[in-house]
Protein backbone atom coordinates (compact mmCIF):
# COMPACT_ATOMS: atom_id res chain seq x y z
CA MET A 1 15.83 45.19 82.80
CA ILE A 2 15.25 42.30 80.41
CA ILE A 3 16.52 42.98 76.90
CA ASP A 4 15.36 41.25 73.73
CA ILE A 5 17.80 38.65 72.52
CA THR A 6 19.23 39.33 69.06
CA LYS A 7 18.07 36.48 66.83
CA GLY A 8 19.03 34.96 63.51
CA ALA A 9 22.11 33.18 62.23
CA ASN A 10 22.83 35.92 59.70
CA ASN A 11 22.35 38.85 62.06
CA PRO A 12 25.36 41.14 61.51
CA ILE A 13 25.57 41.94 65.23
CA LEU A 14 25.98 38.25 66.06
CA ARG A 15 28.49 37.78 63.25
CA GLY A 16 30.37 41.03 63.87
CA SER A 17 33.72 41.64 65.49
CA ASN A 18 33.71 42.50 69.15
CA PRO A 19 36.46 44.81 70.38
CA LYS A 20 37.93 44.49 73.84
CA HIS A 21 35.79 46.10 76.48
CA GLY A 22 37.40 49.19 77.95
CA LYS A 23 37.19 50.65 81.42
CA ILE A 24 34.64 49.16 83.80
CA THR A 25 32.07 51.84 84.52
CA LYS A 26 28.56 52.12 85.93
CA LYS A 27 27.39 51.51 82.36
CA THR A 28 29.37 48.23 82.28
CA LYS A 29 27.80 47.11 85.55
CA LYS A 30 24.32 47.96 84.22
CA LEU A 31 25.09 45.97 81.05
CA LEU A 32 26.14 42.98 83.15
CA LYS A 33 22.96 43.21 85.26
CA ASP A 34 20.77 43.48 82.15
CA MET A 35 22.56 40.48 80.63
CA GLU A 36 22.10 38.44 83.80
CA ASP A 37 18.39 39.33 83.99
CA SER A 38 17.90 38.45 80.32
CA MET A 39 19.76 35.14 80.70
CA ILE A 40 17.71 34.13 83.72
CA ALA A 41 14.39 35.25 82.19
CA THR A 42 15.02 33.10 79.12
CA ASN A 43 16.27 30.08 81.12
CA GLY A 44 19.70 30.38 79.56
CA VAL A 45 22.99 29.23 81.06
CA GLY A 46 25.12 31.83 79.29
CA ILE A 47 24.81 35.05 77.33
CA ALA A 48 27.20 37.29 75.43
CA ALA A 49 26.86 41.02 74.78
CA PRO A 50 26.29 40.59 71.00
CA GLN A 51 23.18 38.58 71.84
CA ILE A 52 21.60 41.72 73.26
CA GLY A 53 22.86 43.87 70.41
CA ILE A 54 26.10 45.20 71.89
CA ASN A 55 29.42 44.46 70.20
CA THR A 56 31.84 44.26 73.11
CA ARG A 57 33.73 41.37 74.71
CA VAL A 58 31.48 40.75 77.72
CA ALA A 59 29.74 37.50 78.69
CA HIS A 60 27.78 36.13 81.63
CA ILE A 61 27.70 32.43 82.46
CA THR A 62 26.12 30.08 84.96
CA ILE A 63 28.89 28.33 86.81
CA ASN A 64 27.28 25.61 88.90
CA GLU A 65 24.17 23.64 89.65
CA THR A 66 22.93 26.31 92.08
CA ARG A 67 22.57 28.60 89.04
CA ASP A 68 25.03 31.19 90.38
CA THR A 69 25.98 33.56 87.58
CA PHE A 70 29.41 34.84 86.77
CA PRO A 71 30.42 37.83 84.60
CA MET A 72 33.44 37.66 82.29
CA ILE A 73 34.94 40.77 80.71
CA ASN A 74 37.39 40.24 77.82
CA PRO A 75 37.49 36.46 78.31
CA GLU A 76 40.06 34.49 76.40
CA ILE A 77 40.76 30.77 76.34
CA ILE A 78 44.47 30.30 77.02
CA GLU A 79 44.57 26.51 77.28
CA ARG A 80 42.27 23.67 76.34
CA SER A 81 42.22 19.90 76.60
CA GLU A 82 42.92 17.77 73.59
CA GLU A 83 40.23 15.43 74.90
CA THR A 84 36.83 16.43 73.57
CA GLU A 85 33.24 15.44 74.08
CA THR A 86 30.18 15.92 71.93
CA ASP A 87 26.88 17.08 73.38
CA THR A 88 23.73 18.78 72.12
CA GLU A 89 23.74 22.58 72.17
CA GLY A 90 21.17 25.25 71.53
CA CYS A 91 21.30 29.03 71.72
CA LEU A 92 19.07 31.84 72.96
CA SER A 93 19.67 33.62 69.64
CA LEU A 94 18.59 30.62 67.57
CA PRO A 95 15.44 29.40 69.33
CA GLY A 96 14.24 25.93 68.40
CA LYS A 97 17.56 24.85 66.83
CA TRP A 98 19.71 22.13 68.36
CA GLY A 99 22.67 20.07 67.30
CA PRO A 100 25.70 18.07 68.37
CA VAL A 101 28.83 20.14 69.02
CA GLU A 102 32.28 18.79 69.82
CA ARG A 103 34.11 20.87 72.42
CA SER A 104 37.20 20.56 74.61
CA LYS A 105 36.42 18.78 77.87
CA TRP A 106 38.15 21.52 79.87
CA VAL A 107 39.48 25.00 79.21
CA VAL A 108 41.50 27.59 81.08
CA ALA A 109 40.25 31.12 80.56
CA LYS A 110 41.59 34.47 81.61
CA PHE A 111 39.19 37.36 82.13
CA THR A 112 38.30 40.32 84.30
CA ASN A 113 35.29 40.46 86.61
CA GLU A 114 32.96 43.39 87.24
CA LYS A 115 35.26 44.69 89.99
CA GLY A 116 38.23 44.92 87.62
CA GLU A 117 39.94 41.89 89.16
CA ASP A 118 41.85 39.62 86.77
CA PHE A 119 41.31 35.87 86.94
CA VAL A 120 42.65 32.71 85.35
CA MET A 121 40.24 29.82 85.93
CA ARG A 122 39.86 26.26 84.76
CA PHE A 123 36.37 25.19 83.69
CA GLU A 124 35.41 21.56 83.18
CA ASN A 125 32.62 19.61 81.49
CA PHE A 126 29.36 21.58 81.11
CA GLU A 127 30.87 24.81 82.46
CA ALA A 128 33.71 24.48 79.91
CA ARG A 129 31.10 24.04 77.18
CA ILE A 130 29.31 27.23 78.28
CA VAL A 131 32.55 29.23 78.33
CA GLN A 132 33.51 28.00 74.85
CA HIS A 133 30.02 28.74 73.50
CA GLU A 134 29.99 32.30 74.88
CA ILE A 135 33.54 33.10 73.77
CA ASP A 136 32.55 31.84 70.32
CA HIS A 137 29.81 34.51 70.35
CA LEU A 138 32.44 37.14 71.10
CA ASN A 139 34.37 35.90 68.06
CA GLY A 140 31.32 36.07 65.75
CA THR A 141 30.86 32.29 65.72
CA LEU A 142 27.59 30.48 66.46
CA PHE A 143 27.15 26.91 67.67
CA ILE A 144 25.60 25.98 64.31
CA ASP A 145 29.01 26.62 62.73
CA HIS A 146 30.27 23.56 64.66
CA VAL A 147 27.31 21.24 63.97
CA PRO A 148 28.14 18.59 61.36
CA GLU A 149 26.31 19.04 58.07
CA GLY A 150 22.82 17.58 58.12
CA GLU A 151 22.69 17.20 61.92
CA LEU A 152 21.06 20.50 62.88
CA LYS A 153 17.61 19.84 64.35
CA GLU A 154 14.65 22.22 64.60
CA ASP A 155 11.70 22.03 66.97
């Protein structure tokens, strides 16, 4: 099922705290499927639970050029490169807004998948950017918070 994306920079759901997700249940798996469907339907490369109105630490990302998707439950960045790169970002929750965001070139994240398996993975370049963007959502931060003053663009 495709779910409306929560929109607006001041939306309290997007800016709220997101507690750790508990036990993985059928409801969790349905949430992940709904998130994946919503991300694909909106041509997104990542989505976090707050974007569909649910305050829990769950995200779904696209991990390669074949558009394979990958769920992340309770993701946390445990290491990041000092080397950064700046690229233009947008967000499904802020349609028509774009801006330059500086991010670490690579990150190491730990998380649990939908089967309850724990992972530690290194993400590089665009995939690292997606992971950082979605984990920001789980921390109540939006990409516009990283855009230098005066550089946010609107379609």
